[in-house]
PDB file of N, CA and C in Angstrom:
ATOM      1  N   MET A   1      29.308  -5.534  48.968  1.00  0.00           N
ATOM      2  CA  MET A   1      28.666  -6.117  47.547  1.00  0.00           C
ATOM      3  C   MET A   1      27.721  -5.252  47.202  1.00  0.00           C
ATOM      4  N   ARG A   2      27.907  -5.065  46.154  1.00  0.00           N
ATOM      5  CA  ARG A   2      26.827  -4.279  45.184  1.00  0.00           C
ATOM      6  C   ARG A   2      25.753  -5.237  44.722  1.00  0.00           C
ATOM      7  N   PHE A   3      24.636  -4.373  45.090  1.00  0.00           N
ATOM      8  CA  PHE A   3      23.039  -5.302  44.269  1.00  0.00           C
ATOM      9  C   PHE A   3      22.861  -4.404  42.905  1.00  0.00           C
ATOM     10  N   ASN A   4      22.695  -5.413  41.908  1.00  0.00           N
ATOM     11  CA  ASN A   4      22.592  -4.610  40.561  1.00  0.00           C
ATOM     12  C   ASN A   4      20.928  -4.918  40.260  1.00  0.00           C
ATOM     13  N   LEU A   5      19.762  -4.269  40.285  1.00  0.00           N
ATOM     14  CA  LEU A   5      18.465  -4.990  39.958  1.00  0.00           C
ATOM     15  C   LEU A   5      18.703  -5.308  38.460  1.00  0.00           C
ATOM     16  N   ALA A   6      19.184  -4.944  37.833  1.00  0.00           N
ATOM     17  CA  ALA A   6      19.388  -5.084  36.491  1.00  0.00           C
ATOM     18  C   ALA A   6      19.805  -6.656  35.929  1.00  0.00           C
ATOM     19  N   GLU A   7      20.474  -7.137  36.891  1.00  0.00           N
ATOM     20  CA  GLU A   7      20.869  -8.648  36.996  1.00  0.00           C
ATOM     21  C   GLU A   7      20.037  -9.604  37.245  1.00  0.00           C
ATOM     22  N   THR A   8      18.898  -9.117  37.909  1.00  0.00           N
ATOM     23  CA  THR A   8      18.002  -9.948  38.295  1.00  0.00           C
ATOM     24  C   THR A   8      16.867 -10.428  37.764  1.00  0.00           C
ATOM     25  N   GLU A   9      15.971 -11.386  37.538  1.00  0.00           N
ATOM     26  CA  GLU A   9      14.822 -11.367  36.920  1.00  0.00           C
ATOM     27  C   GLU A   9      13.763 -10.802  37.006  1.00  0.00           C
ATOM     28  N   THR A  10      13.897 -10.291  38.198  1.00  0.00           N
ATOM     29  CA  THR A  10      12.814  -9.028  38.424  1.00  0.00           C
ATOM     30  C   THR A  10      12.944  -7.663  37.722  1.00  0.00           C
ATOM     31  N   GLY A  11      14.088  -7.378  37.805  1.00  0.00           N
ATOM     32  CA  GLY A  11      14.918  -6.038  36.968  1.00  0.00           C
ATOM     33  C   GLY A  11      14.743  -6.498  35.658  1.00  0.00           C
ATOM     34  N   ARG A  12      14.922  -7.290  35.335  1.00  0.00           N
ATOM     35  CA  ARG A  12      14.627  -7.785  33.735  1.00  0.00           C
ATOM     36  C   ARG A  12      13.571  -7.240  33.124  1.00  0.00           C
ATOM     37  N   GLU A  13      12.369  -8.069  34.059  1.00  0.00           N
ATOM     38  CA  GLU A  13      10.999  -7.780  33.919  1.00  0.00           C
ATOM     39  C   GLU A  13      10.336  -6.506  34.021  1.00  0.00           C
ATOM     40  N   ILE A  14      11.108  -5.674  34.809  1.00  0.00           N
ATOM     41  CA  ILE A  14      10.594  -4.401  35.116  1.00  0.00           C
ATOM     42  C   ILE A  14      11.163  -3.562  33.948  1.00  0.00           C
ATOM     43  N   ALA A  15      12.479  -3.895  33.361  1.00  0.00           N
ATOM     44  CA  ALA A  15      13.029  -3.262  32.034  1.00  0.00           C
ATOM     45  C   ALA A  15      12.326  -3.312  31.124  1.00  0.00           C
ATOM     46  N   GLN A  16      11.458  -4.924  30.903  1.00  0.00           N
ATOM     47  CA  GLN A  16      10.894  -5.200  29.711  1.00  0.00           C
ATOM     48  C   GLN A  16       9.416  -4.490  29.702  1.00  0.00           C
ATOM     49  N   GLU A  17       8.932  -4.116  30.816  1.00  0.00           N
ATOM     50  CA  GLU A  17       7.857  -3.553  30.944  1.00  0.00           C
ATOM     51  C   GLU A  17       7.780  -2.320  30.442  1.00  0.00           C
ATOM     52  N   ASN A  18       8.845  -1.505  30.905  1.00  0.00           N
ATOM     53  CA  ASN A  18       9.369  -0.229  30.778  1.00  0.00           C
ATOM     54  C   ASN A  18       9.423  -0.035  29.075  1.00  0.00           C
ATOM     55  N   GLN A  19      10.273  -0.967  28.495  1.00  0.00           N
ATOM     56  CA  GLN A  19      10.598  -0.680  26.780  1.00  0.00           C
ATOM     57  C   GLN A  19       9.131  -0.961  26.299  1.00  0.00           C
ATOM     58  N   GLU A  20       8.384  -1.887  26.757  1.00  0.00           N
ATOM     59  CA  GLU A  20       7.090  -2.047  26.435  1.00  0.00           C
ATOM     60  C   GLU A  20       5.971  -0.839  26.194  1.00  0.00           C
ATOM     61  N   LEU A  21       6.315  -0.227  27.579  1.00  0.00           N
ATOM     62  CA  LEU A  21       5.126   1.105  27.634  1.00  0.00           C
ATOM     63  C   LEU A  21       5.869   2.110  27.019  1.00  0.00           C
ATOM     64  N   GLY A  22       7.236   2.076  26.787  1.00  0.00           N
ATOM     65  CA  GLY A  22       7.602   3.297  25.983  1.00  0.00           C
ATOM     66  C   GLY A  22       7.485   2.954  24.381  1.00  0.00           C
ATOM     67  N   ARG A  23       7.270   2.028  24.159  1.00  0.00           N
ATOM     68  CA  ARG A  23       6.902   1.850  22.587  1.00  0.00           C
ATOM     69  C   ARG A  23       5.718   2.305  22.515  1.00  0.00           C
ATOM     70  N   GLU A  24       4.613   1.926  23.120  1.00  0.00           N
ATOM     71  CA  GLU A  24       3.268   1.934  23.462  1.00  0.00           C
ATOM     72  C   GLU A  24       3.042   3.666  23.221  1.00  0.00           C
ATOM     73  N   LEU A  25       3.619   4.368  24.115  1.00  0.00           N
ATOM     74  CA  LEU A  25       3.417   5.682  24.432  1.00  0.00           C
ATOM     75  C   LEU A  25       3.949   6.373  23.028  1.00  0.00           C
ATOM     76  N   GLY A  26       5.136   6.007  22.550  1.00  0.00           N
ATOM     77  CA  GLY A  26       5.555   6.361  21.064  1.00  0.00           C
ATOM     78  C   GLY A  26       4.676   6.517  20.163  1.00  0.00           C
ATOM     79  N   LEU A  27       4.087   5.019  19.745  1.00  0.00           N
ATOM     80  CA  LEU A  27       3.046   4.930  18.864  1.00  0.00           C
ATOM     81  C   LEU A  27       1.741   5.700  19.072  1.00  0.00           C
ATOM     82  N   ILE A  28       1.495   6.130  20.395  1.00  0.00           N
ATOM     83  CA  ILE A  28       0.386   6.889  20.569  1.00  0.00           C
ATOM     84  C   ILE A  28       0.798   8.305  20.104  1.00  0.00           C
ATOM     85  N   ARG A  29       2.299   8.619  20.883  1.00  0.00           N
ATOM     86  CA  ARG A  29       2.420   9.884  20.199  1.00  0.00           C
ATOM     87  C   ARG A  29       2.281  10.201  18.726  1.00  0.00           C
ATOM     88  N   SER A  30       2.718   9.304  17.738  1.00  0.00           N
ATOM     89  CA  SER A  30       3.182   9.346  16.590  1.00  0.00           C
ATOM     90  C   SER A  30       1.621   9.643  15.910  1.00  0.00           C
ATOM     91  N   MET A  31       0.716   8.811  16.389  1.00  0.00           N
ATOM     92  CA  MET A  31      -0.698   9.011  15.581  1.00  0.00           C
ATOM     93  C   MET A  31      -1.234  10.346  16.388  1.00  0.00           C
ATOM     94  N   GLU A  32      -1.160  10.597  17.527  1.00  0.00           N
ATOM     95  CA  GLU A  32      -1.552  12.267  17.870  1.00  0.00           C
ATOM     96  C   GLU A  32      -0.718  13.222  16.766  1.00  0.00           C
ATOM     97  N   LEU A  33       0.334  12.828  16.325  1.00  0.00           N
ATOM     98  CA  LEU A  33       1.135  13.826  15.247  1.00  0.00           C
ATOM     99  C   LEU A  33      -0.033  13.666  13.969  1.00  0.00           C
ATOM    100  N   PHE A  34       0.037  12.431  13.347  1.00  0.00           N
ATOM    101  CA  PHE A  34      -0.659  12.315  12.168  1.00  0.00           C
ATOM    102  C   PHE A  34      -1.952  13.076  12.206  1.00  0.00           C
ATOM    103  N   LEU A  35      -2.894  12.845  13.620  1.00  0.00           N
ATOM    104  CA  LEU A  35      -4.410  13.274  13.725  1.00  0.00           C
ATOM    105  C   LEU A  35      -4.262  14.815  13.741  1.00  0.00           C
ATOM    106  N   GLN A  36      -3.186  15.282  14.278  1.00  0.00           N
ATOM    107  CA  GLN A  36      -3.104  16.780  14.573  1.00  0.00           C
ATOM    108  C   GLN A  36      -2.833  17.554  13.243  1.00  0.00           C
ATOM    109  N   THR A  37      -1.898  16.889  12.429  1.00  0.00           N
ATOM    110  CA  THR A  37      -1.509  17.499  11.118  1.00  0.00           C
ATOM    111  C   THR A  37      -2.851  17.450  10.220  1.00  0.00           C
ATOM    112  N   ARG A  38      -3.425  16.381  10.457  1.00  0.00           N
ATOM    113  CA  ARG A  38      -4.573  16.355   9.278  1.00  0.00           C
ATOM    114  C   ARG A  38      -5.831  16.975   9.726  1.00  0.00           C
ATOM    115  N   PHE A  39      -6.271  16.881  11.005  1.00  0.00           N
ATOM    116  CA  PHE A  39      -7.419  17.606  11.671  1.00  0.00           C
ATOM    117  C   PHE A  39      -7.023  18.819  12.554  1.00  0.00           C
ATOM    118  N   GLY A  40      -5.930  18.755  12.828  1.00  0.00           N
ATOM    119  CA  GLY A  40      -5.938  20.252  14.005  1.00  0.00           C
ATOM    120  C   GLY A  40      -6.009  19.584  15.443  1.00  0.00           C
ATOM    121  N   ASP A  41      -6.109  20.747  16.390  1.00  0.00           N
ATOM    122  CA  ASP A  41      -6.220  20.054  17.640  1.00  0.00           C
ATOM    123  C   ASP A  41      -7.765  19.944  17.949  1.00  0.00           C
ATOM    124  N   PHE A  42      -8.154  18.941  18.689  1.00  0.00           N
ATOM    125  CA  PHE A  42      -9.587  18.651  19.089  1.00  0.00           C
ATOM    126  C   PHE A  42      -9.392  17.868  20.038  1.00  0.00           C
ATOM    127  N   PRO A  43     -10.430  18.168  21.018  1.00  0.00           N
ATOM    128  CA  PRO A  43     -10.636  17.567  22.473  1.00  0.00           C
ATOM    129  C   PRO A  43     -10.089  16.145  22.556  1.00  0.00           C
ATOM    130  N   ASP A  44     -10.636  15.296  22.024  1.00  0.00           N
ATOM    131  CA  ASP A  44     -10.495  13.985  22.389  1.00  0.00           C
ATOM    132  C   ASP A  44      -9.257  13.042  21.671  1.00  0.00           C
ATOM    133  N   GLN A  45      -8.389  14.192  21.155  1.00  0.00           N
ATOM    134  CA  GLN A  45      -7.233  13.824  20.437  1.00  0.00           C
ATOM    135  C   GLN A  45      -6.406  12.520  20.846  1.00  0.00           C
ATOM    136  N   TYR A  46      -5.949  12.783  22.177  1.00  0.00           N
ATOM    137  CA  TYR A  46      -5.343  11.520  22.787  1.00  0.00           C
ATOM    138  C   TYR A  46      -6.082  10.324  22.974  1.00  0.00           C
ATOM    139  N   ASP A  47      -7.193  10.506  23.245  1.00  0.00           N
ATOM    140  CA  ASP A  47      -7.925   9.176  23.579  1.00  0.00           C
ATOM    141  C   ASP A  47      -8.120   8.370  22.229  1.00  0.00           C
ATOM    142  N   LEU A  48      -8.385   9.249  21.154  1.00  0.00           N
ATOM    143  CA  LEU A  48      -8.806   8.698  19.681  1.00  0.00           C
ATOM    144  C   LEU A  48      -7.368   7.954  19.309  1.00  0.00           C
ATOM    145  N   ALA A  49      -6.307   8.586  20.014  1.00  0.00           N
ATOM    146  CA  ALA A  49      -5.038   8.163  19.005  1.00  0.00           C
ATOM    147  C   ALA A  49      -4.825   7.199  19.630  1.00  0.00           C
ATOM    148  N   ARG A  50      -4.879   6.833  21.136  1.00  0.00           N
ATOM    149  CA  ARG A  50      -4.988   5.387  21.809  1.00  0.00           C
ATOM    150  C   ARG A  50      -5.755   4.498  21.428  1.00  0.00           C
ATOM    151  N   LYS A  51      -6.886   4.819  21.135  1.00  0.00           N
ATOM    152  CA  LYS A  51      -7.672   3.820  20.547  1.00  0.00           C
ATOM    153  C   LYS A  51      -7.327   3.454  18.907  1.00  0.00           C
ATOM    154  N   LEU A  52      -7.067   4.083  18.362  1.00  0.00           N
ATOM    155  CA  LEU A  52      -6.624   3.747  16.867  1.00  0.00           C
ATOM    156  C   LEU A  52      -5.299   2.849  17.030  1.00  0.00           C
ATOM    157  N   VAL A  53      -4.177   3.571  18.063  1.00  0.00           N
ATOM    158  CA  VAL A  53      -2.893   2.114  17.651  1.00  0.00           C
ATOM    159  C   VAL A  53      -3.510   0.910  18.665  1.00  0.00           C
ATOM    160  N   THR A  54      -4.356   1.062  19.707  1.00  0.00           N
ATOM    161  CA  THR A  54      -4.777  -0.374  19.968  1.00  0.00           C
ATOM    162  C   THR A  54      -5.511  -1.108  18.902  1.00  0.00           C
ATOM    163  N   GLU A  55      -6.269  -0.673  17.904  1.00  0.00           N
ATOM    164  CA  GLU A  55      -6.780  -1.494  17.057  1.00  0.00           C
ATOM    165  C   GLU A  55      -5.976  -1.783  16.232  1.00  0.00           C
ATOM    166  N   ASP A  56      -5.181  -0.990  15.449  1.00  0.00           N
ATOM    167  CA  ASP A  56      -3.928  -1.723  14.666  1.00  0.00           C
ATOM    168  C   ASP A  56      -3.287   0.062  14.079  1.00  0.00           C
ATOM    169  N   HIS A  57      -1.971   0.156  14.369  1.00  0.00           N
ATOM    170  CA  HIS A  57      -1.604   1.221  14.508  1.00  0.00           C
ATOM    171  C   HIS A  57      -1.210   1.650  12.813  1.00  0.00           C
ATOM    172  N   ALA A  58      -0.745   0.420  12.109  1.00  0.00           N
ATOM    173  CA  ALA A  58      -0.300   1.146  10.694  1.00  0.00           C
ATOM    174  C   ALA A  58      -1.638   1.108  10.017  1.00  0.00           C
ATOM    175  N   ALA A  59      -2.417   0.587   9.897  1.00  0.00           N
ATOM    176  CA  ALA A  59      -3.667   0.440   9.151  1.00  0.00           C
ATOM    177  C   ALA A  59      -4.510   1.857   9.397  1.00  0.00           C
ATOM    178  N   ASN A  60      -4.359   2.069  10.712  1.00  0.00           N
ATOM    179  CA  ASN A  60      -4.924   3.395  11.038  1.00  0.00           C
ATOM    180  C   ASN A  60      -4.139   4.512  10.697  1.00  0.00           C
ATOM    181  N   VAL A  61      -2.754   4.506  10.607  1.00  0.00           N
ATOM    182  CA  VAL A  61      -2.122   5.636   9.833  1.00  0.00           C
ATOM    183  C   VAL A  61      -2.279   5.403   8.294  1.00  0.00           C
ATOM    184  N   ALA A  62      -2.276   4.592   7.600  1.00  0.00           N
ATOM    185  CA  ALA A  62      -3.101   4.151   6.722  1.00  0.00           C
ATOM    186  C   ALA A  62      -4.431   4.974   5.907  1.00  0.00           C
ATOM    187  N   ARG A  63      -5.227   4.792   6.931  1.00  0.00           N
ATOM    188  CA  ARG A  63      -6.502   5.092   6.956  1.00  0.00           C
ATOM    189  C   ARG A  63      -6.290   6.683   6.736  1.00  0.00           C
ATOM    190  N   ILE A  64      -5.642   7.529   7.715  1.00  0.00           N
ATOM    191  CA  ILE A  64      -5.131   8.598   7.880  1.00  0.00           C
ATOM    192  C   ILE A  64      -4.972   9.857   6.922  1.00  0.00           C
ATOM    193  N   LEU A  65      -3.665   9.186   6.069  1.00  0.00           N
ATOM    194  CA  LEU A  65      -3.317   9.155   4.757  1.00  0.00           C
ATOM    195  C   LEU A  65      -4.066   9.284   3.799  1.00  0.00           C
ATOM    196  N   ASP A  66      -5.175   7.884   3.593  1.00  0.00           N
ATOM    197  CA  ASP A  66      -5.813   7.954   2.648  1.00  0.00           C
ATOM    198  C   ASP A  66      -7.033   8.907   2.749  1.00  0.00           C
ATOM    199  N   GLY A  67      -7.362   9.571   3.408  1.00  0.00           N
ATOM    200  CA  GLY A  67      -8.316  10.921   3.907  1.00  0.00           C
ATOM    201  C   GLY A  67      -9.858  10.416   4.629  1.00  0.00           C
ATOM    202  N   ALA A  68      -9.371   9.288   5.465  1.00  0.00           N
ATOM    203  CA  ALA A  68     -10.517   9.089   6.292  1.00  0.00           C
ATOM    204  C   ALA A  68     -10.946  10.241   7.208  1.00  0.00           C
ATOM    205  N   SER A  69     -11.808  10.330   7.336  1.00  0.00           N
ATOM    206  CA  SER A  69     -12.625  11.573   8.251  1.00  0.00           C
ATOM    207  C   SER A  69     -12.379  11.429   9.497  1.00  0.00           C
ATOM    208  N   LEU A  70     -12.653  12.322  10.263  1.00  0.00           N
ATOM    209  CA  LEU A  70     -12.609  12.273  11.952  1.00  0.00           C
ATOM    210  C   LEU A  70     -13.334  11.245  12.205  1.00  0.00           C
ATOM    211  N   GLU A  71     -14.800  11.261  11.646  1.00  0.00           N
ATOM    212  CA  GLU A  71     -15.945  10.649  12.050  1.00  0.00           C
ATOM    213  C   GLU A  71     -15.740   8.988  11.887  1.00  0.00           C
ATOM    214  N   GLU A  72     -15.214   8.971  10.643  1.00  0.00           N
ATOM    215  CA  GLU A  72     -14.905   7.449  10.258  1.00  0.00           C
ATOM    216  C   GLU A  72     -13.877   6.997  10.955  1.00  0.00           C
ATOM    217  N   LEU A  73     -12.724   7.998  11.603  1.00  0.00           N
ATOM    218  CA  LEU A  73     -11.752   7.031  12.759  1.00  0.00           C
ATOM    219  C   LEU A  73     -12.157   6.969  13.697  1.00  0.00           C
ATOM    220  N   ARG A  74     -13.369   7.570  14.358  1.00  0.00           N
ATOM    221  CA  ARG A  74     -13.978   7.493  15.545  1.00  0.00           C
ATOM    222  C   ARG A  74     -14.845   6.148  15.823  1.00  0.00           C
ATOM    223  N   ARG A  75     -15.405   5.911  14.792  1.00  0.00           N
ATOM    224  CA  ARG A  75     -15.902   4.512  14.742  1.00  0.00           C
ATOM    225  C   ARG A  75     -15.022   3.478  14.819  1.00  0.00           C
ATOM    226  N   SER A  76     -15.618   2.291  15.591  1.00  0.00           N
ATOM    227  CA  SER A  76     -14.943   1.527  15.580  1.00  0.00           C
ATOM    228  C   SER A  76     -15.019   0.567  14.149  1.00  0.00           C
ATOM    229  N   ARG A  77     -13.812  -0.186  14.063  1.00  0.00           N
ATOM    230  CA  ARG A  77     -13.528  -0.806  13.062  1.00  0.00           C
ATOM    231  C   ARG A  77     -14.379  -2.300  13.013  1.00  0.00           C
TER     232      ARG A  77
END
């Protein structure tokens, strides 16, 4: 008899968590690319990208495209 983790509730929960983590990492990476394109490389780029995604990804992308400064983006909303 073959055991298939994907067919168990635990397996489905693990898959769901991995999917959510992958989505979050993808959003962070896209935010990093927006920041890098606008401001070039800077030391806390990943941390700022993570913060902006956590706050509101779409709204913060709009802020970047609308010309918000790096300091404005670093400040909490």
